[in-house]
Amino acid sequence: MPKRPRAPVIIITGGIGSGKSTVAGVFKKLGARTIEVDRLARRLLKPGSGAWHEILWKFCGAKLDRKDIAGRNLKAADFKAANGRPLRELPWVINTAGTIRRDKLGATVFSSSRALAALNRIMHARLRKLLNDKINLHHKLSARPLVLDMAVYPERAFKGLGDVVVWIRAPGGMRAQRLADSKRMSLEEAAARVRIQWQDKKFEKNADFILPNLGSDRDIRQGAKKIWPHLLARAAGS
């Protein structure tokens, strides 16, 4: 029996609001399996997980003083501060169910490069392992192209993850406006999030292909269809 060809792994990267999900949707219609990495990363934030405990300690100075939290409403007294005393208020980064408040955490890390770096140190090694597991399982089960939609690709933890990288290049102003519209935040807040991400030269340095997005949904979809066979050829070593 002939050996099944190895499934190519294609990474779509680019800043927030650049149109990665649109391009991933086109590739999915062309036969690829797609993974939205940001959504996958949310699994790492499950209450009680290792990343969850580290985030509470790093950003709130809070340590859970109990083991079983499933199905319980958490209270301030369930946590201790660095001095060993119970907290007077519930850590700001979670709700009473223990769920990470992504809006609050996002507002913090996207207003401070140090806070963003701290969150990355907590998340990226864990996310890389999760992605490795996903890719290995896909290779065992399928020869379909696997597409990873991930803004964080330029980070060091993800080097060598895929066979080919396509960068969606889009103007910062357009990205900020799209982010403000989709997340219902002010344009100033959206612009701050755009500025703190990787600069274009960093994305370009790590890209094999560049797909421009100047705001036309029709154009970016057509561009994605046009580049698809070239991505497959590059991933196959051609």
C-alpha atoms as a PDB file:
ATOM      1  CA  MET A   1       0.000   0.000   0.000  1.00  0.00           C
ATOM      2  CA  PRO A   2       1.480   3.395  -0.989  1.00  0.00           C
ATOM      3  CA  LYS A   3       2.373   5.659   1.861  1.00  0.00           C
ATOM      4  CA  ARG A   4      -0.093   8.480   2.466  1.00  0.00           C
ATOM      5  CA  PRO A   5       1.425  11.902   1.732  1.00  0.00           C
ATOM      6  CA  ARG A   6       2.192  14.043   4.751  1.00  0.00           C
ATOM      7  CA  ALA A   7      -0.366  16.770   5.373  1.00  0.00           C
ATOM      8  CA  PRO A   8       1.131  20.237   4.833  1.00  0.00           C
ATOM      9  CA  VAL A   9       0.876  22.702   7.716  1.00  0.00           C
ATOM     10  CA  ILE A  10       0.205  26.268   6.595  1.00  0.00           C
ATOM     11  CA  ILE A  11       0.322  29.199   9.007  1.00  0.00           C
ATOM     12  CA  ILE A  12      -1.694  32.358   8.465  1.00  0.00           C
ATOM     13  CA  THR A  13      -0.343  35.217  10.539  1.00  0.00           C
ATOM     14  CA  GLY A  14      -0.789  38.966  10.785  1.00  0.00           C
ATOM     15  CA  GLY A  15      -1.821  41.618  13.239  1.00  0.00           C
ATOM     16  CA  ILE A  16      -5.182  41.762  14.939  1.00  0.00           C
ATOM     17  CA  GLY A  17      -7.921  42.785  12.503  1.00  0.00           C
ATOM     18  CA  SER A  18      -5.859  42.017   9.391  1.00  0.00           C
ATOM     19  CA  GLY A  19      -8.281  39.474   7.918  1.00  0.00           C
ATOM     20  CA  LYS A  20      -6.741  36.159   8.938  1.00  0.00           C
ATOM     21  CA  SER A  21     -10.106  34.536   9.640  1.00  0.00           C
ATOM     22  CA  THR A  22     -11.410  35.547   6.216  1.00  0.00           C
ATOM     23  CA  VAL A  23      -8.440  33.943   4.491  1.00  0.00           C
ATOM     24  CA  ALA A  24      -8.704  30.845   6.690  1.00  0.00           C
ATOM     25  CA  GLY A  25     -12.343  30.545   5.619  1.00  0.00           C
ATOM     26  CA  VAL A  26     -11.312  30.559   1.962  1.00  0.00           C
ATOM     27  CA  PHE A  27      -8.699  27.870   2.559  1.00  0.00           C
ATOM     28  CA  LYS A  28     -11.276  25.769   4.392  1.00  0.00           C
ATOM     29  CA  LYS A  29     -13.552  25.860   1.348  1.00  0.00           C
ATOM     30  CA  LEU A  30     -10.568  24.765  -0.749  1.00  0.00           C
ATOM     31  CA  GLY A  31     -10.248  21.600   1.334  1.00  0.00           C
ATOM     32  CA  ALA A  32      -8.124  22.500   4.342  1.00  0.00           C
ATOM     33  CA  ARG A  33      -8.813  21.823   7.981  1.00  0.00           C
ATOM     34  CA  THR A  34      -8.455  25.040   9.943  1.00  0.00           C
ATOM     35  CA  ILE A  35      -7.614  25.780  13.584  1.00  0.00           C
ATOM     36  CA  GLU A  36      -8.223  29.187  15.137  1.00  0.00           C
ATOM     37  CA  VAL A  37      -5.318  29.251  17.561  1.00  0.00           C
ATOM     38  CA  ASP A  38      -6.735  31.989  19.766  1.00  0.00           C
ATOM     39  CA  ARG A  39      -9.817  29.860  20.398  1.00  0.00           C
ATOM     40  CA  LEU A  40      -7.614  26.851  21.109  1.00  0.00           C
ATOM     41  CA  ALA A  41      -5.629  28.897  23.620  1.00  0.00           C
ATOM     42  CA  ARG A  42      -8.784  29.524  25.628  1.00  0.00           C
ATOM     43  CA  ARG A  43      -8.743  25.887  26.690  1.00  0.00           C
ATOM     44  CA  LEU A  44      -5.570  26.635  28.596  1.00  0.00           C
ATOM     45  CA  LEU A  45      -7.468  29.179  30.693  1.00  0.00           C
ATOM     46  CA  LYS A  46      -9.898  26.667  32.155  1.00  0.00           C
ATOM     47  CA  PRO A  47     -10.460  27.384  35.876  1.00  0.00           C
ATOM     48  CA  GLY A  48      -8.010  25.357  37.932  1.00  0.00           C
ATOM     49  CA  SER A  49      -5.518  24.848  35.089  1.00  0.00           C
ATOM     50  CA  GLY A  50      -1.814  25.582  35.476  1.00  0.00           C
ATOM     51  CA  ALA A  51      -2.023  28.730  33.320  1.00  0.00           C
ATOM     52  CA  TRP A  52      -5.070  29.907  35.313  1.00  0.00           C
ATOM     53  CA  HIS A  53      -3.191  29.639  38.617  1.00  0.00           C
ATOM     54  CA  GLU A  54      -0.149  31.446  37.189  1.00  0.00           C
ATOM     55  CA  ILE A  55      -2.254  34.286  35.780  1.00  0.00           C
ATOM     56  CA  LEU A  56      -3.968  34.842  39.131  1.00  0.00           C
ATOM     57  CA  TRP A  57      -0.626  34.917  40.917  1.00  0.00           C
ATOM     58  CA  LYS A  58       1.172  37.101  38.386  1.00  0.00           C
ATOM     59  CA  PHE A  59      -1.556  39.674  37.791  1.00  0.00           C
ATOM     60  CA  CYS A  60      -3.450  39.628  41.099  1.00  0.00           C
ATOM     61  CA  GLY A  61      -0.977  38.259  43.636  1.00  0.00           C
ATOM     62  CA  ALA A  62      -3.648  35.707  44.502  1.00  0.00           C
ATOM     63  CA  LYS A  63      -3.267  32.032  45.343  1.00  0.00           C
ATOM     64  CA  LEU A  64      -6.262  29.702  45.576  1.00  0.00           C
ATOM     65  CA  ASP A  65      -6.595  28.265  49.074  1.00  0.00           C
ATOM     66  CA  ARG A  66      -8.638  25.221  48.052  1.00  0.00           C
ATOM     67  CA  LYS A  67      -8.399  22.415  45.507  1.00  0.00           C
ATOM     68  CA  ASP A  68     -11.950  21.687  44.423  1.00  0.00           C
ATOM     69  CA  ILE A  69     -13.519  24.595  42.510  1.00  0.00           C
ATOM     70  CA  ALA A  70     -15.760  22.711  40.088  1.00  0.00           C
ATOM     71  CA  GLY A  71     -19.355  23.940  40.239  1.00  0.00           C
ATOM     72  CA  ARG A  72     -18.611  26.377  43.053  1.00  0.00           C
ATOM     73  CA  ASN A  73     -18.983  30.127  43.262  1.00  0.00           C
ATOM     74  CA  LEU A  74     -15.642  31.513  44.333  1.00  0.00           C
ATOM     75  CA  LYS A  75     -15.296  34.151  47.031  1.00  0.00           C
ATOM     76  CA  ALA A  76     -12.473  36.454  48.046  1.00  0.00           C
ATOM     77  CA  ALA A  77     -11.846  34.324  51.126  1.00  0.00           C
ATOM     78  CA  ASP A  78     -11.002  31.362  48.885  1.00  0.00           C
ATOM     79  CA  PHE A  79      -7.752  33.135  47.951  1.00  0.00           C
ATOM     80  CA  LYS A  80      -4.663  34.184  49.849  1.00  0.00           C
ATOM     81  CA  ALA A  81      -2.295  37.036  49.095  1.00  0.00           C
ATOM     82  CA  ALA A  82       1.494  36.808  49.125  1.00  0.00           C
ATOM     83  CA  ASN A  83       1.497  37.586  52.858  1.00  0.00           C
ATOM     84  CA  GLY A  84      -0.753  34.578  53.502  1.00  0.00           C
ATOM     85  CA  ARG A  85      -3.813  36.602  54.416  1.00  0.00           C
ATOM     86  CA  PRO A  86      -7.221  36.011  52.777  1.00  0.00           C
ATOM     87  CA  LEU A  87      -8.143  38.486  50.074  1.00  0.00           C
ATOM     88  CA  ARG A  88     -10.810  41.074  50.758  1.00  0.00           C
ATOM     89  CA  GLU A  89     -12.004  41.152  47.145  1.00  0.00           C
ATOM     90  CA  LEU A  90     -12.258  38.532  44.432  1.00  0.00           C
ATOM     91  CA  PRO A  91      -9.247  38.734  42.063  1.00  0.00           C
ATOM     92  CA  TRP A  92     -10.183  41.188  39.302  1.00  0.00           C
ATOM     93  CA  VAL A  93      -9.111  38.825  36.522  1.00  0.00           C
ATOM     94  CA  ILE A  94     -11.884  36.255  37.180  1.00  0.00           C
ATOM     95  CA  ASN A  95     -15.620  36.131  37.832  1.00  0.00           C
ATOM     96  CA  THR A  96     -17.291  34.137  40.607  1.00  0.00           C
ATOM     97  CA  ALA A  97     -17.308  30.987  38.432  1.00  0.00           C
ATOM     98  CA  GLY A  98     -13.541  31.278  38.097  1.00  0.00           C
ATOM     99  CA  THR A  99     -13.667  32.122  34.390  1.00  0.00           C
ATOM    100  CA  ILE A 100     -10.897  34.428  33.190  1.00  0.00           C
ATOM    101  CA  ARG A 101     -12.356  37.808  32.254  1.00  0.00           C
ATOM    102  CA  ARG A 102     -10.692  38.097  28.874  1.00  0.00           C
ATOM    103  CA  ASP A 103     -11.872  41.662  28.362  1.00  0.00           C
ATOM    104  CA  LYS A 104     -10.234  42.808  31.601  1.00  0.00           C
ATOM    105  CA  LEU A 105      -7.068  40.804  31.027  1.00  0.00           C
ATOM    106  CA  GLY A 106      -6.870  42.021  27.423  1.00  0.00           C
ATOM    107  CA  ALA A 107      -7.224  45.652  28.452  1.00  0.00           C
ATOM    108  CA  THR A 108      -4.319  45.188  30.867  1.00  0.00           C
ATOM    109  CA  VAL A 109      -1.874  43.331  28.628  1.00  0.00           C
ATOM    110  CA  PHE A 110      -2.552  45.454  25.559  1.00  0.00           C
ATOM    111  CA  SER A 111      -1.764  48.620  27.497  1.00  0.00           C
ATOM    112  CA  SER A 112       1.593  47.397  28.781  1.00  0.00           C
ATOM    113  CA  SER A 113       4.367  45.597  26.916  1.00  0.00           C
ATOM    114  CA  ARG A 114       5.639  44.166  30.218  1.00  0.00           C
ATOM    115  CA  ALA A 115       2.221  42.743  31.075  1.00  0.00           C
ATOM    116  CA  LEU A 116       1.889  41.272  27.590  1.00  0.00           C
ATOM    117  CA  ALA A 117       5.325  39.659  27.879  1.00  0.00           C
ATOM    118  CA  ALA A 118       4.357  38.194  31.250  1.00  0.00           C
ATOM    119  CA  LEU A 119       1.193  36.658  29.818  1.00  0.00           C
ATOM    120  CA  ASN A 120       3.150  35.282  26.861  1.00  0.00           C
ATOM    121  CA  ARG A 121       5.599  33.577  29.210  1.00  0.00           C
ATOM    122  CA  ILE A 122       2.693  31.855  30.911  1.00  0.00           C
ATOM    123  CA  MET A 123       0.853  30.847  27.764  1.00  0.00           C
ATOM    124  CA  HIS A 124       3.200  30.207  24.860  1.00  0.00           C
ATOM    125  CA  ALA A 125       5.068  27.078  25.935  1.00  0.00           C
ATOM    126  CA  ARG A 126       1.765  25.462  26.868  1.00  0.00           C
ATOM    127  CA  LEU A 127       0.182  26.544  23.598  1.00  0.00           C
ATOM    128  CA  ARG A 128       3.102  25.209  21.562  1.00  0.00           C
ATOM    129  CA  LYS A 129       2.720  21.791  23.176  1.00  0.00           C
ATOM    130  CA  LEU A 130      -1.014  21.802  22.494  1.00  0.00           C
ATOM    131  CA  LEU A 131      -0.407  22.725  18.853  1.00  0.00           C
ATOM    132  CA  ASN A 132       2.264  20.053  18.474  1.00  0.00           C
ATOM    133  CA  ASP A 133      -0.227  17.481  19.746  1.00  0.00           C
ATOM    134  CA  LYS A 134      -2.895  18.721  17.335  1.00  0.00           C
ATOM    135  CA  ILE A 135      -0.525  18.616  14.369  1.00  0.00           C
ATOM    136  CA  ASN A 136       0.794  15.155  15.203  1.00  0.00           C
ATOM    137  CA  LEU A 137      -2.736  13.784  15.521  1.00  0.00           C
ATOM    138  CA  HIS A 138      -3.752  15.395  12.231  1.00  0.00           C
ATOM    139  CA  HIS A 139      -0.770  13.824  10.475  1.00  0.00           C
ATOM    140  CA  LYS A 140      -1.851  10.404  11.721  1.00  0.00           C
ATOM    141  CA  LEU A 141      -5.446  10.793  10.600  1.00  0.00           C
ATOM    142  CA  SER A 142      -5.444  12.890   7.442  1.00  0.00           C
ATOM    143  CA  ALA A 143      -3.522  14.113   4.412  1.00  0.00           C
ATOM    144  CA  ARG A 144      -5.636  17.283   4.160  1.00  0.00           C
ATOM    145  CA  PRO A 145      -3.762  20.570   4.468  1.00  0.00           C
ATOM    146  CA  LEU A 146      -3.860  21.926   8.013  1.00  0.00           C
ATOM    147  CA  VAL A 147      -4.163  25.704   8.359  1.00  0.00           C
ATOM    148  CA  LEU A 148      -3.336  27.516  11.610  1.00  0.00           C
ATOM    149  CA  ASP A 149      -4.822  30.987  12.020  1.00  0.00           C
ATOM    150  CA  MET A 150      -2.432  32.574  14.529  1.00  0.00           C
ATOM    151  CA  ALA A 151      -1.406  36.167  15.180  1.00  0.00           C
ATOM    152  CA  VAL A 152       1.300  35.076  17.640  1.00  0.00           C
ATOM    153  CA  TYR A 153       3.428  33.147  15.137  1.00  0.00           C
ATOM    154  CA  PRO A 154       6.425  35.550  15.199  1.00  0.00           C
ATOM    155  CA  GLU A 155       6.945  34.683  18.861  1.00  0.00           C
ATOM    156  CA  ARG A 156      10.025  32.526  19.440  1.00  0.00           C
ATOM    157  CA  ALA A 157       8.021  29.668  20.976  1.00  0.00           C
ATOM    158  CA  PHE A 158       6.387  28.889  17.624  1.00  0.00           C
ATOM    159  CA  LYS A 159       9.389  28.779  15.315  1.00  0.00           C
ATOM    160  CA  GLY A 160       9.360  25.801  12.968  1.00  0.00           C
ATOM    161  CA  LEU A 161       5.721  25.011  13.675  1.00  0.00           C
ATOM    162  CA  GLY A 162       4.554  24.957  10.044  1.00  0.00           C
ATOM    163  CA  ASP A 163       5.798  24.224   6.535  1.00  0.00           C
ATOM    164  CA  VAL A 164       4.902  27.589   5.027  1.00  0.00           C
ATOM    165  CA  VAL A 165       3.871  30.973   6.444  1.00  0.00           C
ATOM    166  CA  VAL A 166       1.609  33.553   4.795  1.00  0.00           C
ATOM    167  CA  TRP A 167       1.400  37.032   6.277  1.00  0.00           C
ATOM    168  CA  ILE A 168      -1.765  39.100   5.810  1.00  0.00           C
ATOM    169  CA  ARG A 169      -0.464  42.653   5.441  1.00  0.00           C
ATOM    170  CA  ALA A 170      -3.008  45.345   6.287  1.00  0.00           C
ATOM    171  CA  PRO A 171      -2.727  49.035   7.235  1.00  0.00           C
ATOM    172  CA  GLY A 172      -2.760  49.711  10.964  1.00  0.00           C
ATOM    173  CA  GLY A 173      -5.568  52.242  10.717  1.00  0.00           C
ATOM    174  CA  MET A 174      -7.826  49.791   8.921  1.00  0.00           C
ATOM    175  CA  ARG A 175      -7.047  47.079  11.463  1.00  0.00           C
ATOM    176  CA  ALA A 176      -7.851  49.396  14.356  1.00  0.00           C
ATOM    177  CA  GLN A 177     -11.189  50.380  12.813  1.00  0.00           C
ATOM    178  CA  ARG A 178     -12.159  46.753  12.179  1.00  0.00           C
ATOM    179  CA  LEU A 179     -11.203  45.828  15.736  1.00  0.00           C
ATOM    180  CA  ALA A 180     -13.185  48.723  17.194  1.00  0.00           C
ATOM    181  CA  ASP A 181     -16.247  47.732  15.179  1.00  0.00           C
ATOM    182  CA  SER A 182     -16.071  44.027  16.031  1.00  0.00           C
ATOM    183  CA  LYS A 183     -15.235  44.362  19.739  1.00  0.00           C
ATOM    184  CA  ARG A 184     -17.326  47.469  20.452  1.00  0.00           C
ATOM    185  CA  MET A 185     -14.402  49.408  21.841  1.00  0.00           C
ATOM    186  CA  SER A 186     -13.217  52.931  21.167  1.00  0.00           C
ATOM    187  CA  LEU A 187     -10.944  53.575  18.223  1.00  0.00           C
ATOM    188  CA  GLU A 188      -8.268  54.779  20.656  1.00  0.00           C
ATOM    189  CA  GLU A 189      -8.384  51.478  22.563  1.00  0.00           C
ATOM    190  CA  ALA A 190      -8.244  49.509  19.323  1.00  0.00           C
ATOM    191  CA  ALA A 191      -5.317  51.563  18.037  1.00  0.00           C
ATOM    192  CA  ALA A 192      -3.409  50.912  21.281  1.00  0.00           C
ATOM    193  CA  ARG A 193      -3.844  47.154  20.798  1.00  0.00           C
ATOM    194  CA  VAL A 194      -2.621  47.398  17.219  1.00  0.00           C
ATOM    195  CA  ARG A 195       0.469  49.384  18.224  1.00  0.00           C
ATOM    196  CA  ILE A 196       1.620  46.959  20.917  1.00  0.00           C
ATOM    197  CA  GLN A 197       1.637  43.963  18.549  1.00  0.00           C
ATOM    198  CA  TRP A 198       4.495  42.951  16.290  1.00  0.00           C
ATOM    199  CA  GLN A 199       5.499  45.548  13.705  1.00  0.00           C
ATOM    200  CA  ASP A 200       5.191  44.777   9.995  1.00  0.00           C
ATOM    201  CA  LYS A 201       8.910  44.170   9.545  1.00  0.00           C
ATOM    202  CA  LYS A 202       8.778  41.343  12.099  1.00  0.00           C
ATOM    203  CA  PHE A 203       5.882  39.641  10.339  1.00  0.00           C
ATOM    204  CA  GLU A 204       7.568  40.105   6.949  1.00  0.00           C
ATOM    205  CA  LYS A 205      10.825  38.614   8.211  1.00  0.00           C
ATOM    206  CA  ASN A 206       9.022  35.408   9.175  1.00  0.00           C
ATOM    207  CA  ALA A 207       6.766  35.110   6.104  1.00  0.00           C
ATOM    208  CA  ASP A 208       7.196  32.981   2.993  1.00  0.00           C
ATOM    209  CA  PHE A 209       4.310  34.734   1.218  1.00  0.00           C
ATOM    210  CA  ILE A 210       2.672  38.138   1.666  1.00  0.00           C
ATOM    211  CA  LEU A 211      -1.029  38.660   0.964  1.00  0.00           C
ATOM    212  CA  PRO A 212      -2.082  42.335   1.005  1.00  0.00           C
ATOM    213  CA  ASN A 213      -5.451  43.356   2.429  1.00  0.00           C
ATOM    214  CA  LEU A 214      -6.496  46.922   1.664  1.00  0.00           C
ATOM    215  CA  GLY A 215     -10.044  46.527   2.899  1.00  0.00           C
ATOM    216  CA  SER A 216     -11.901  44.863   0.034  1.00  0.00           C
ATOM    217  CA  ASP A 217     -13.436  41.556   1.134  1.00  0.00           C
ATOM    218  CA  ARG A 218     -13.728  40.466  -2.491  1.00  0.00           C
ATOM    219  CA  ASP A 219     -10.075  41.225  -3.226  1.00  0.00           C
ATOM    220  CA  ILE A 220      -8.689  39.416  -0.184  1.00  0.00           C
ATOM    221  CA  ARG A 221     -10.775  36.337  -0.987  1.00  0.00           C
ATOM    222  CA  GLN A 222      -9.604  36.321  -4.589  1.00  0.00           C
ATOM    223  CA  GLY A 223      -6.018  36.801  -3.448  1.00  0.00           C
ATOM    224  CA  ALA A 224      -6.329  33.860  -1.059  1.00  0.00           C
ATOM    225  CA  LYS A 225      -7.647  31.610  -3.839  1.00  0.00           C
ATOM    226  CA  LYS A 226      -4.825  32.683  -6.153  1.00  0.00           C
ATOM    227  CA  ILE A 227      -2.072  32.054  -3.624  1.00  0.00           C
ATOM    228  CA  TRP A 228      -3.391  28.676  -2.403  1.00  0.00           C
ATOM    229  CA  PRO A 229      -1.714  26.402  -5.004  1.00  0.00           C
ATOM    230  CA  HIS A 230       1.580  28.234  -4.455  1.00  0.00           C
ATOM    231  CA  LEU A 231       1.353  27.598  -0.700  1.00  0.00           C
ATOM    232  CA  LEU A 232       0.771  23.903  -1.301  1.00  0.00           C
ATOM    233  CA  ALA A 233       3.692  23.728  -3.729  1.00  0.00           C
ATOM    234  CA  ARG A 234       6.014  25.502  -1.292  1.00  0.00           C
ATOM    235  CA  ALA A 235       4.903  23.253   1.563  1.00  0.00           C
ATOM    236  CA  ALA A 236       5.682  20.221  -0.602  1.00  0.00           C
ATOM    237  CA  GLY A 237       9.187  21.531  -1.258  1.00  0.00           C
ATOM    238  CA  SER A 238       8.613  22.820  -4.786  1.00  0.00           C
END
